[in-house]
Each structure stands twice: as structure tokens, then as C-alpha cells.
Amino acid sequence: MSKIAFMFPGQGAQKAGMGKDFYEQSETAREVIDKAAELLDIDMKALCFEENDRLDQTEYTQAALVTVCLAMEHVLRERGLNPDVTAGLSLGEYCAIASAGGMTTEDAVTTVRKRGILMQNAVPGGKGSMAAVLGMTGEAIEKVVDEIDGVTIANYNCPGQIVVTGWKESVEKASEALKEAGAKRVMPLNVSGPFHSPMLKEAGEELGRVLENVELSPLEIPYVTNVTAEYVRDISETKKLLAEQVASSVRWQQSVENMIADGVDTFVEIGPGRTLAGFMRKISRDVKVYNVSTWEDVDKVVSELC
């Protein structure tokens, strides 16, 4: 029997216009987006639908992306498409938990708003950076960065694409060392901070205190955590994992591999862009991958999977 996973992208997938067609076509999506605007006192339509500078600022990006992804998820559920497991890349893990029944949409949106502010303020601008390393294995990259203070692996995205993070000078030093060690390319990323590095440990601890006031519910289905790449079935583990996630590596490739090992053969990426679908092509070509980023995608995906 086929198993379906919903998967949600992380920061970087956002783009002006995201979710506008859902807002125009679906009362359900409108309710999600309007409620988020009310809770956060942010003009969510202007933030998500129009060209603006705020959409790429972490404190706004996170709330905007989670709002739009969950609006899309609600539409798919309404149309009868339900997952067996969920997962999300970094920020997307909040969508995964909400989709799995562990957190309300309202709490997901308000929590990531606070998370975005904490992460944006954690490190002074220009002090940290990140870089994508292409063409090397995780083990080979680990050997190089283990010898350099102040740099660690942020994301295990897929075979041949891993992201390093840390102090700006350390990332630059590691970039040169990785090129010498055989990397095809090392590309600096246009980000506002050294995400998923120990430099954000304090932000993670502060987020843990925020999460103390968030009421979670028993999970209806499991989700996969970035921290260990393992299934989470007990909601009591979630707050600790979300606090740790801010400063720890995102084990996305391992998460997908564990879902496939569990029998998941159909993956539905929900949100703007096709980042996760791109990773899937490199992780496994033996599974079906769908993407829902526009209203037109809904009919196609629902007709094939329901």
C-alpha cells in the first residue's frame, strides 16, 4: 500500500506572490492567511503577494512562509489528500508538526514569528555566514571542518549538496580548504546569519522558553525531526527538539532516507518553489514526487493521489 509524506520547505523558498492564487480561490486559504495577519498585526497580503523588502528579512520571512504553506496544506486536506507522515526542512518542521496534529496553525505562525526575531538578533550582522558545498560527501566535509574552529555543517540536503555555517572568517577559511580537498564548488549563501550553528545556541534556549507557553496536542501521525532524522511519535519530545534544532545540523537527506525505508513512496512538497523536489531527485529516483506551489497544482495532485 502506498504511503504519502507531506514535506515543507524552509527559509529561502519564499517569493513575492506566493499563495495569492490560493487566497483568491479558496475560503479555507483566506481564513488561514487573514487569521495570521490578525494574530501578528502584519499585512500578510502585502508581505506575501507584493514585491517588498521585508519578505527576505528573517523576522518576517518565517511567519510568511509558514502561513502560506499551511494555507496550501489546509486546501489539500479539504480536497481529501492526507499524509501518513510529515517532514519539513528547518523552518518547515513547524508546518510538519501542525500538519501532523501536534500544533495549531495559529500557534505555529505566532511561534515562528518569535523564532525569526530571535534568530535574526542572535548574531551581529556580518559576523556569520553560510556556504553551499557541491560535489563532496558529508564524511569528507566533516573531516575538513572538524579541523577548523568556528565552522560546522548546517544542512545535509542531498548527495553532493551540503551547507556549512559559522563565523564569517571560519567559513571563508573552510571554503578554501574544501576546494583544495575536492569540492566542485563552494558558494557563499545570501543569508542574514549563520543558521544551524552553535552560534545560535542562546537563541535556541530562548526559543525553548517561548515554547514552554505553547500548548501541543498528541500527534495524529508521526513527523520526522531535523535533529536526528528519526520519526517522532510522542509530542512530549517536540519542544526540546525544536529548541535544539536552531543550533544543530538539519539532517534532511537522512530524514528522507528513513521515510523511504519505512515504505513512503510518494512525497508531496507543499509551498513555493521546488527546492525539496530538486533534492529528492538526488536522494532517490525510485519514489514519486509532486509539488504544490500554485492553485493549478492542486487539481493535478489530488486527481492522481486521491
Protein backbone atom coordinates (compact mmCIF):
# COMPACT_ATOMS: atom_id res chain seq x y z
CA MET A 1 0.00 0.00 0.00
CA SER A 2 1.31 3.44 -0.93
CA LYS A 3 2.49 5.75 1.86
CA ILE A 4 2.39 9.52 1.39
CA ALA A 5 4.61 12.13 3.02
CA PHE A 6 3.88 15.85 3.07
CA MET A 7 7.09 17.89 3.09
CA PHE A 8 7.52 21.60 3.65
CA PRO A 9 10.37 23.89 2.52
CA GLY A 10 12.49 26.13 4.72
CA GLN A 11 13.62 29.72 4.59
CA GLY A 12 14.83 30.67 1.13
CA ALA A 13 11.80 29.28 -0.68
CA GLN A 14 9.80 32.48 -0.14
CA LYS A 15 8.93 34.64 -3.14
CA ALA A 16 6.63 37.57 -3.84
CA GLY A 17 3.20 36.40 -4.96
CA MET A 18 3.29 33.14 -3.03
CA GLY A 19 -0.17 31.97 -2.04
CA LYS A 20 -2.03 34.77 -3.83
CA ASP A 21 -3.90 32.37 -6.12
CA PHE A 22 -4.90 30.24 -3.12
CA TYR A 23 -6.19 33.33 -1.34
CA GLU A 24 -8.26 34.28 -4.36
CA GLN A 25 -9.65 30.79 -4.98
CA SER A 26 -10.19 29.27 -1.54
CA GLU A 27 -12.14 30.44 1.51
CA THR A 28 -10.10 27.99 3.59
CA ALA A 29 -6.79 29.53 2.50
CA ARG A 30 -8.18 33.04 3.03
CA GLU A 31 -9.11 32.18 6.61
CA VAL A 32 -5.58 30.95 7.38
CA ILE A 33 -3.88 34.00 5.89
CA ASP A 34 -6.32 36.54 7.35
CA LYS A 35 -6.07 34.93 10.81
CA ALA A 36 -2.27 35.11 10.69
CA ALA A 37 -2.46 38.78 9.73
CA GLU A 38 -4.76 39.42 12.69
CA LEU A 39 -2.62 37.48 15.19
CA LEU A 40 0.66 39.10 14.15
CA ASP A 41 -0.71 42.54 13.26
CA ILE A 42 1.03 42.28 9.89
CA ASP A 43 -0.47 42.97 6.47
CA MET A 44 0.11 39.41 5.31
CA LYS A 45 -1.32 40.04 1.84
CA ALA A 46 1.14 42.88 1.22
CA LEU A 47 4.00 40.84 2.71
CA CYS A 48 3.36 37.67 0.70
CA PHE A 49 1.70 38.87 -2.50
CA GLU A 50 3.58 42.10 -3.38
CA GLU A 51 7.23 42.90 -4.10
CA ASN A 52 8.76 44.21 -0.86
CA ASP A 53 11.99 44.25 1.16
CA ARG A 54 10.56 42.63 4.29
CA LEU A 55 9.85 39.23 2.78
CA ASP A 56 13.56 38.35 2.84
CA GLN A 57 14.07 39.58 6.42
CA THR A 58 14.14 36.58 8.75
CA GLU A 59 11.75 38.06 11.29
CA TYR A 60 9.08 38.36 8.58
CA THR A 61 10.11 35.50 6.27
CA GLN A 62 9.42 32.74 8.75
CA ALA A 63 5.87 33.78 9.62
CA ALA A 64 5.03 34.49 5.98
CA LEU A 65 6.28 31.14 4.68
CA VAL A 66 4.64 29.05 7.39
CA THR A 67 1.34 30.89 6.88
CA VAL A 68 1.32 30.27 3.13
CA CYS A 69 2.45 26.63 3.36
CA LEU A 70 -0.23 25.81 5.93
CA ALA A 71 -2.90 27.58 3.88
CA MET A 72 -1.95 25.31 0.97
CA GLU A 73 -1.88 22.26 3.26
CA HIS A 74 -5.39 23.02 4.52
CA VAL A 75 -6.67 23.12 0.94
CA LEU A 76 -5.14 19.71 0.15
CA ARG A 77 -6.68 18.23 3.31
CA GLU A 78 -10.04 19.75 2.37
CA ARG A 79 -9.78 18.04 -1.01
CA GLY A 80 -9.21 14.66 0.64
CA LEU A 81 -5.43 14.27 0.43
CA ASN A 82 -3.95 13.12 3.75
CA PRO A 83 -0.37 12.09 4.59
CA ASP A 84 0.98 9.14 6.56
CA VAL A 85 3.97 11.15 7.81
CA THR A 86 5.23 14.73 7.54
CA ALA A 87 8.62 16.44 7.48
CA GLY A 88 9.92 19.96 6.97
CA LEU A 89 13.30 21.48 6.25
CA SER A 90 14.32 23.64 9.23
CA LEU A 91 11.51 26.23 9.46
CA GLY A 92 9.29 23.79 7.55
CA GLU A 93 9.32 21.48 10.56
CA TYR A 94 6.73 23.74 12.20
CA CYS A 95 4.39 23.12 9.26
CA ALA A 96 5.12 19.40 9.57
CA ILE A 97 4.18 19.38 13.26
CA ALA A 98 0.99 21.36 12.61
CA SER A 99 0.07 19.05 9.72
CA ALA A 100 0.68 16.04 11.98
CA GLY A 101 -1.80 17.44 14.50
CA GLY A 102 0.72 18.44 17.18
CA MET A 103 0.35 22.23 16.97
CA THR A 104 -2.41 24.56 15.87
CA THR A 105 -1.88 26.69 12.79
CA GLU A 106 -2.22 29.78 14.98
CA ASP A 107 0.49 28.61 17.39
CA ALA A 108 2.79 27.62 14.52
CA VAL A 109 2.53 31.09 12.98
CA THR A 110 2.99 33.03 16.23
CA THR A 111 5.86 30.82 17.39
CA VAL A 112 7.87 31.14 14.18
CA ARG A 113 7.38 34.90 14.26
CA LYS A 114 9.21 34.89 17.61
CA ARG A 115 11.73 32.33 16.31
CA GLY A 116 12.53 34.58 13.35
CA ILE A 117 13.17 37.57 15.60
CA LEU A 118 15.39 35.53 17.93
CA MET A 119 17.42 34.14 15.03
CA GLN A 120 17.78 37.50 13.32
CA ASN A 121 19.04 39.14 16.52
CA ALA A 122 21.28 36.25 17.65
CA VAL A 123 24.45 37.31 15.82
CA PRO A 124 25.52 40.83 14.78
CA GLY A 125 25.17 41.45 11.05
CA GLY A 126 28.19 40.46 9.00
CA LYS A 127 29.73 38.26 11.71
CA GLY A 128 28.41 34.94 10.46
CA SER A 129 27.86 33.31 7.09
CA MET A 130 26.94 30.09 5.29
CA ALA A 131 28.15 28.38 2.13
CA ALA A 132 26.88 25.53 -0.04
CA VAL A 133 29.43 22.84 -0.82
CA LEU A 134 28.87 20.89 -4.02
CA GLY A 135 30.40 17.61 -5.05
CA MET A 136 31.67 16.22 -1.73
CA THR A 137 30.32 13.62 0.68
CA GLY A 138 29.27 14.55 4.19
CA GLU A 139 32.08 12.47 5.65
CA ALA A 140 34.70 14.23 3.54
CA ILE A 141 33.36 17.66 4.51
CA GLU A 142 33.24 16.70 8.19
CA LYS A 143 36.96 15.80 8.10
CA VAL A 144 37.81 19.26 6.76
CA VAL A 145 35.58 21.37 9.00
CA ASP A 146 36.49 19.39 12.13
CA GLU A 147 39.98 20.88 11.78
CA ILE A 148 38.72 24.49 11.65
CA ASP A 149 37.28 26.25 14.69
CA GLY A 150 34.02 28.13 14.27
CA VAL A 151 32.51 26.22 11.34
CA THR A 152 30.13 23.26 11.29
CA ILE A 153 27.69 21.56 8.92
CA ALA A 154 24.29 23.27 8.81
CA ASN A 155 22.41 21.12 6.29
CA TYR A 156 22.78 17.65 4.84
CA ASN A 157 20.46 18.45 1.91
CA CYS A 158 21.13 15.66 -0.57
CA PRO A 159 24.08 13.76 -2.06
CA GLY A 160 26.54 16.32 -3.38
CA GLN A 161 24.96 19.34 -1.66
CA ILE A 162 25.84 20.20 1.92
CA VAL A 163 25.82 23.59 3.65
CA VAL A 164 28.41 24.81 6.16
CA THR A 165 27.84 27.57 8.69
CA GLY A 166 29.69 29.62 11.29
CA TRP A 167 31.82 32.70 11.82
CA LYS A 168 32.43 34.53 8.56
CA GLU A 169 36.23 34.17 8.69
CA SER A 170 35.94 30.47 9.58
CA VAL A 171 33.54 29.77 6.71
CA GLU A 172 35.89 31.56 4.29
CA LYS A 173 38.85 29.50 5.56
CA ALA A 174 36.82 26.29 5.31
CA SER A 175 35.68 27.20 1.79
CA GLU A 176 39.28 27.35 0.57
CA ALA A 177 40.16 24.13 2.37
CA LEU A 178 37.14 22.36 0.89
CA LYS A 179 38.07 23.45 -2.63
CA GLU A 180 41.56 22.06 -2.09
CA ALA A 181 40.01 18.83 -0.77
CA GLY A 182 37.99 18.32 -3.96
CA ALA A 183 34.76 20.29 -3.77
CA LYS A 184 33.41 21.12 -7.24
CA ARG A 185 32.11 24.47 -5.99
CA VAL A 186 31.72 26.33 -2.73
CA MET A 187 29.13 29.09 -2.96
CA PRO A 188 28.53 31.74 -0.28
CA LEU A 189 24.82 31.98 0.54
CA ASN A 190 22.90 35.24 0.74
CA VAL A 191 21.61 34.80 4.29
CA SER A 192 21.30 37.12 7.25
CA GLY A 193 23.04 34.86 9.76
CA PRO A 194 24.92 31.61 10.47
CA PHE A 195 21.81 29.47 10.86
CA HIS A 196 22.03 25.99 12.40
CA SER A 197 25.38 26.72 14.01
CA PRO A 198 26.40 26.69 17.71
CA MET A 199 26.44 30.49 17.42
CA LEU A 200 22.64 30.31 17.74
CA LYS A 201 22.64 28.16 20.87
CA GLU A 202 21.41 31.03 23.04
CA ALA A 203 18.62 31.78 20.57
CA GLY A 204 17.60 28.13 20.79
CA GLU A 205 17.50 28.33 24.58
CA GLU A 206 15.34 31.47 24.40
CA LEU A 207 13.05 29.72 21.92
CA GLY A 208 12.75 26.87 24.41
CA ARG A 209 11.35 29.34 26.93
CA VAL A 210 8.88 30.63 24.32
CA LEU A 211 7.78 27.05 23.61
CA GLU A 212 7.04 26.46 27.30
CA ASN A 213 3.90 28.57 26.79
CA VAL A 214 2.78 26.76 23.62
CA GLU A 215 0.18 24.02 24.12
CA LEU A 216 0.88 20.96 21.98
CA SER A 217 -1.51 18.09 21.20
CA PRO A 218 -0.94 14.35 20.76
CA LEU A 219 0.24 13.61 17.23
CA GLU A 220 -2.29 12.11 14.82
CA ILE A 221 0.53 10.85 12.58
CA PRO A 222 4.32 10.92 13.06
CA TYR A 223 6.64 13.61 11.77
CA VAL A 224 10.39 13.44 11.19
CA THR A 225 12.68 15.73 13.17
CA ASN A 226 15.64 17.50 11.57
CA VAL A 227 17.78 16.97 14.67
CA THR A 228 18.01 13.16 14.50
CA ALA A 229 16.22 12.35 11.19
CA GLU A 230 14.05 9.94 13.18
CA TYR A 231 10.26 9.64 13.44
CA VAL A 232 8.65 11.50 16.33
CA ARG A 233 5.50 9.84 17.66
CA ASP A 234 5.48 11.29 21.18
CA ILE A 235 4.68 15.01 21.28
CA SER A 236 6.48 15.34 24.63
CA GLU A 237 9.77 15.24 22.71
CA THR A 238 8.85 18.12 20.39
CA LYS A 239 9.67 21.24 22.42
CA LYS A 240 13.17 20.03 23.29
CA LEU A 241 13.84 19.08 19.67
CA LEU A 242 12.61 22.44 18.31
CA ALA A 243 14.85 24.31 20.75
CA GLU A 244 17.85 22.16 19.74
CA GLN A 245 17.06 22.47 16.04
CA VAL A 246 18.01 26.16 15.89
CA ALA A 247 21.70 25.43 16.54
CA SER A 248 22.03 21.85 15.22
CA SER A 249 22.51 20.32 11.78
CA VAL A 250 19.47 19.73 9.56
CA ARG A 251 19.61 16.07 8.54
CA TRP A 252 17.29 16.32 5.57
CA GLN A 253 18.82 13.63 3.37
CA GLN A 254 18.80 11.18 6.28
CA SER A 255 15.18 12.13 7.08
CA VAL A 256 14.05 11.30 3.55
CA GLU A 257 16.04 8.07 3.50
CA ASN A 258 14.37 6.98 6.75
CA MET A 259 10.91 7.71 5.34
CA ILE A 260 11.69 5.67 2.22
CA ALA A 261 12.96 2.83 4.41
CA ASP A 262 9.61 2.97 6.23
CA GLY A 263 7.76 2.44 2.94
CA VAL A 264 6.99 6.02 1.91
CA ASP A 265 6.89 6.02 -1.89
CA THR A 266 5.08 9.32 -2.59
CA PHE A 267 6.31 12.75 -1.50
CA VAL A 268 4.28 15.95 -1.85
CA GLU A 269 6.19 19.21 -1.47
CA ILE A 270 3.83 21.96 -0.26
CA GLY A 271 4.97 25.55 -0.65
CA PRO A 272 6.59 27.96 -3.10
CA GLY A 273 9.40 26.73 -5.32
CA ARG A 274 10.71 23.23 -5.98
CA THR A 275 13.72 23.08 -3.66
CA LEU A 276 12.79 19.82 -1.92
CA ALA A 277 11.70 18.17 -5.16
CA GLY A 278 15.16 19.01 -6.51
CA PHE A 279 16.80 17.35 -3.50
CA MET A 280 14.57 14.29 -3.96
CA ARG A 281 15.91 13.66 -7.46
CA LYS A 282 19.38 13.26 -5.98
CA ILE A 283 18.30 11.25 -2.93
CA SER A 284 16.14 8.71 -4.77
CA ARG A 285 14.61 8.34 -8.21
CA ASP A 286 12.54 5.35 -7.09
CA VAL A 287 9.79 7.42 -5.47
CA LYS A 288 7.07 9.70 -6.83
CA VAL A 289 7.48 13.41 -6.11
CA TYR A 290 4.78 16.06 -6.50
CA ASN A 291 4.87 19.79 -5.90
CA VAL A 292 2.02 22.05 -4.85
CA SER A 293 3.04 25.68 -5.19
CA THR A 294 0.20 27.07 -7.35
CA TRP A 295 -3.58 26.62 -7.42
CA GLU A 296 -3.30 24.70 -10.71
CA ASP A 297 -1.13 22.08 -8.97
CA VAL A 298 -3.94 21.15 -6.58
CA ASP A 299 -6.24 19.52 -9.13
CA LYS A 300 -3.40 17.57 -10.71
CA VAL A 301 -2.06 16.21 -7.43
CA VAL A 302 -5.46 15.45 -5.93
CA SER A 303 -6.67 13.68 -9.08
CA GLU A 304 -3.60 11.44 -9.13
CA LEU A 305 -3.39 10.63 -5.43
CA CYS A 306 -6.99 10.61 -4.17
